[in-house]
Protein backbone atom coordinates (compact mmCIF):
# COMPACT_ATOMS: atom_id res chain seq x y z
CA MET A 1 -11.05 71.03 -96.33
CA LYS A 2 -9.73 67.76 -96.92
CA LYS A 3 -11.47 64.52 -96.07
CA ARG A 4 -9.90 61.78 -94.38
CA ASP A 5 -10.45 58.16 -94.06
CA ILE A 6 -12.23 57.20 -90.99
CA GLY A 7 -12.89 53.50 -91.59
CA ALA A 8 -15.47 51.60 -93.01
CA ASN A 9 -17.55 50.86 -89.75
CA THR A 10 -19.29 54.14 -89.66
CA PHE A 11 -23.03 54.58 -89.05
CA VAL A 12 -25.57 56.87 -90.67
CA TYR A 13 -26.56 59.50 -87.96
CA PRO A 14 -28.95 59.62 -86.32
CA MET A 15 -30.81 56.35 -85.97
CA PRO A 16 -34.27 56.07 -84.74
CA VAL A 17 -34.54 54.28 -81.14
CA THR A 18 -37.31 51.51 -81.13
CA LEU A 19 -38.50 48.55 -79.38
CA LEU A 20 -39.03 45.38 -81.58
CA GLY A 21 -41.64 43.17 -80.15
CA THR A 22 -42.09 39.54 -80.72
CA LEU A 23 -43.89 36.34 -79.19
CA VAL A 24 -41.49 33.86 -78.12
CA SER A 25 -43.21 30.55 -76.69
CA GLY A 26 -46.10 32.46 -76.19
CA LYS A 27 -44.69 35.09 -74.27
CA ALA A 28 -44.04 38.97 -75.22
CA ASN A 29 -40.32 39.90 -75.67
CA PHE A 30 -38.93 43.37 -76.82
CA MET A 31 -35.45 44.49 -77.40
CA ALA A 32 -33.99 48.00 -78.32
CA LEU A 33 -33.34 48.32 -81.78
CA GLY A 34 -31.88 51.18 -83.96
CA TRP A 35 -30.90 49.27 -87.28
CA LEU A 36 -34.41 49.89 -89.14
CA SER A 37 -35.82 51.72 -92.20
CA ARG A 38 -38.67 51.92 -94.45
CA VAL A 39 -37.78 49.80 -97.59
CA ASN A 40 -40.89 50.08 -99.85
CA ALA A 41 -43.86 52.61 -100.19
CA ASN A 42 -46.71 50.61 -101.57
CA PRO A 43 -47.20 47.98 -99.86
CA PRO A 44 -45.63 49.87 -96.63
CA MET A 45 -42.56 47.74 -95.67
CA ILE A 46 -39.91 48.05 -93.07
CA GLY A 47 -36.75 46.25 -92.64
CA VAL A 48 -35.24 45.42 -89.23
CA ALA A 49 -31.51 44.07 -88.85
CA VAL A 50 -31.12 42.00 -85.88
CA GLY A 51 -28.06 39.96 -84.67
CA ARG A 52 -28.76 36.34 -84.89
CA HIS A 53 -27.79 36.06 -81.20
CA HIS A 54 -30.68 37.78 -80.26
CA LEU A 55 -33.94 35.56 -78.98
CA THR A 56 -35.99 38.01 -81.28
CA CYS A 57 -34.97 36.42 -84.12
CA ALA A 58 -36.52 33.06 -83.04
CA GLY A 59 -39.90 34.86 -82.00
CA ILE A 60 -39.93 36.24 -85.63
CA ALA A 61 -39.38 32.95 -87.14
CA GLU A 62 -42.11 31.35 -84.91
CA THR A 63 -45.04 33.55 -85.44
CA GLY A 64 -43.98 35.23 -88.83
CA THR A 65 -44.94 38.67 -87.17
CA PHE A 66 -43.24 41.43 -85.19
CA SER A 67 -43.92 44.94 -84.06
CA ILE A 68 -41.99 48.37 -83.99
CA ASN A 69 -42.80 50.46 -81.03
CA VAL A 70 -41.49 54.02 -80.72
CA PRO A 71 -40.43 55.10 -77.12
CA GLY A 72 -40.54 58.92 -76.16
CA GLU A 73 -37.51 60.23 -74.24
CA GLU A 74 -39.22 59.67 -70.77
CA MET A 75 -38.95 55.73 -71.70
CA MET A 76 -35.08 56.03 -72.21
CA GLU A 77 -34.11 54.05 -69.10
CA VAL A 78 -36.49 51.04 -69.82
CA THR A 79 -35.68 51.07 -73.32
CA ASP A 80 -32.12 51.12 -72.70
CA TYR A 81 -32.65 48.22 -70.14
CA CYS A 82 -34.52 45.89 -72.97
CA GLY A 83 -31.21 46.49 -75.12
CA MET A 84 -29.01 45.31 -72.37
CA VAL A 85 -30.98 42.42 -71.02
CA SER A 86 -31.34 39.25 -73.01
CA GLY A 87 -35.01 37.42 -73.23
CA GLU A 88 -33.30 34.34 -72.70
CA LYS A 89 -32.15 35.60 -69.34
CA GLU A 90 -34.99 38.13 -68.12
CA ASP A 91 -38.71 37.76 -68.81
CA LYS A 92 -39.42 41.07 -70.22
CA SER A 93 -43.39 40.31 -71.07
CA GLY A 94 -44.57 42.38 -67.79
CA ILE A 95 -42.42 45.65 -68.32
CA PHE A 96 -44.92 47.38 -70.46
CA GLU A 97 -48.79 47.56 -70.90
CA ILE A 98 -49.09 45.20 -74.00
CA PHE A 99 -51.75 45.22 -76.60
CA TYR A 100 -52.47 43.14 -79.83
CA GLY A 101 -53.89 44.24 -83.19
CA ARG A 102 -55.08 42.69 -86.23
CA LEU A 103 -52.50 39.97 -86.56
CA LYS A 104 -52.86 38.61 -82.86
CA THR A 105 -49.10 37.59 -82.55
CA ALA A 106 -47.07 41.01 -82.53
CA PRO A 107 -47.36 42.61 -78.85
CA MET A 108 -47.35 46.31 -78.63
CA ILE A 109 -46.54 48.75 -76.03
CA GLU A 110 -49.20 51.18 -74.93
CA GLU A 111 -46.81 53.47 -73.41
CA CYS A 112 -45.23 54.18 -76.91
CA SER A 113 -46.43 57.00 -78.88
CA LEU A 114 -46.37 54.91 -82.40
CA CYS A 115 -46.62 51.12 -82.83
CA MET A 116 -46.50 49.24 -86.12
CA GLU A 117 -47.68 45.85 -86.58
CA CYS A 118 -45.66 43.89 -89.30
CA ARG A 119 -46.05 40.55 -90.93
CA LEU A 120 -42.84 38.97 -92.16
CA ALA A 121 -42.48 39.36 -96.00
CA LYS A 122 -38.94 38.11 -96.42
CA THR A 123 -35.83 37.31 -94.60
CA MET A 124 -32.37 37.79 -95.60
CA GLU A 125 -29.02 36.50 -93.93
CA PHE A 126 -25.60 38.21 -93.41
CA PRO A 127 -22.54 37.40 -91.72
CA ALA A 128 -23.76 38.40 -88.34
CA ASN A 129 -27.11 39.72 -88.67
CA THR A 130 -30.44 38.72 -90.32
CA LEU A 131 -32.77 41.23 -92.02
CA PHE A 132 -36.19 40.68 -91.50
CA ILE A 133 -38.52 42.71 -93.83
CA GLY A 134 -42.18 43.21 -92.81
CA GLU A 135 -45.11 44.59 -94.54
CA ILE A 136 -46.67 47.01 -92.14
CA VAL A 137 -50.21 45.79 -91.46
CA ALA A 138 -51.29 48.58 -89.23
CA SER A 139 -50.09 51.39 -87.17
CA TYR A 140 -51.40 52.76 -83.87
CA SER A 141 -51.02 55.93 -82.10
CA GLU A 142 -53.14 58.44 -79.89
CA GLU A 143 -54.67 61.93 -80.74
CA LYS A 144 -51.86 63.53 -78.54
CA TYR A 145 -49.07 62.30 -80.82
CA LEU A 146 -50.86 63.53 -83.91
CA SER A 147 -51.18 66.35 -86.27
CA ASP A 148 -53.47 66.21 -89.20
CA ASN A 149 -53.87 62.63 -88.36
CA ARG A 150 -50.32 62.01 -88.98
CA PRO A 151 -47.67 61.16 -86.30
CA ASP A 152 -45.98 64.41 -85.12
CA ILE A 153 -42.26 64.30 -84.10
CA THR A 154 -42.75 67.25 -81.71
CA LYS A 155 -45.27 65.77 -79.98
CA MET A 156 -43.89 62.21 -79.85
CA HIS A 157 -40.26 63.12 -78.34
CA PRO A 158 -38.46 60.05 -79.93
CA LEU A 159 -34.91 59.12 -79.11
CA LEU A 160 -32.09 58.91 -81.31
CA LEU A 161 -29.14 57.09 -81.21
CA THR A 162 -25.57 57.53 -82.71
CA MET A 163 -22.91 55.10 -83.02
CA PRO A 164 -20.21 54.43 -82.52
CA ASP A 165 -20.39 56.76 -79.59
CA ASN A 166 -23.46 54.99 -78.34
CA ARG A 167 -25.68 58.21 -77.16
CA TYR A 168 -29.18 58.73 -77.12
CA TRP A 169 -30.21 62.37 -78.31
CA LYS A 170 -33.72 64.16 -78.43
CA VAL A 171 -34.91 65.87 -81.80
CA GLY A 172 -34.33 69.56 -82.64
CA GLU A 173 -36.23 72.04 -84.23
CA CYS A 174 -37.45 71.63 -87.68
CA ALA A 175 -34.68 72.73 -90.32
CA GLY A 176 -36.99 72.73 -93.63
CA LYS A 177 -39.62 71.28 -95.97
CA ALA A 178 -38.61 68.22 -97.45
CA TRP A 179 -39.25 68.35 -101.24
CA GLY A 180 -39.74 72.20 -101.09
CA GLU A 181 -36.72 73.81 -99.69
CA GLY A 182 -34.91 73.03 -103.30
CA ARG A 183 -37.34 74.89 -105.36
CA GLY A 184 -35.41 78.09 -105.42
CA PHE A 185 -32.00 76.34 -106.06
CA ARG A 186 -30.31 77.76 -109.23
CA LYS A 187 -27.36 75.75 -110.26
CA GLY A 188 -24.04 77.92 -110.57
């Protein structure tokens, strides 16, 4: 098989679908977000890339905090809505049942299976986006989404996103154990 050039604007498949929460002028706001990744183990840190035109940027700058909320597949419609409608035009504060944790300024969503409360650690500017790196101060879930006190993807039913085709996907079956499957590999 011969590889062919498919261009530079390619995305890593798949991306998690999340709802990024902020307070803007004292009001909770949420946007759909797929551009995020853990960036440090200890202290635990996560990076989120947000287009500078989003109201969310102002909220993170205002409070120095944000939340990451993981919706299940049953929340696809409302999650997509939060990605289509700007908080500058629509008040999204009443869409979800909201709670606050230790930081008191990072709104989190009760309906989501996993919520992470983050304190802003660093900001990096890029041509179209701002990368916010936050220290995860606390994470919240419910017993029904956990196995061995850890989030269980088979119980959470998170959404995944592929781009540039802009499609949502469900998680499939387990393919193997990381840091275990390679033990039997023998070179050549």
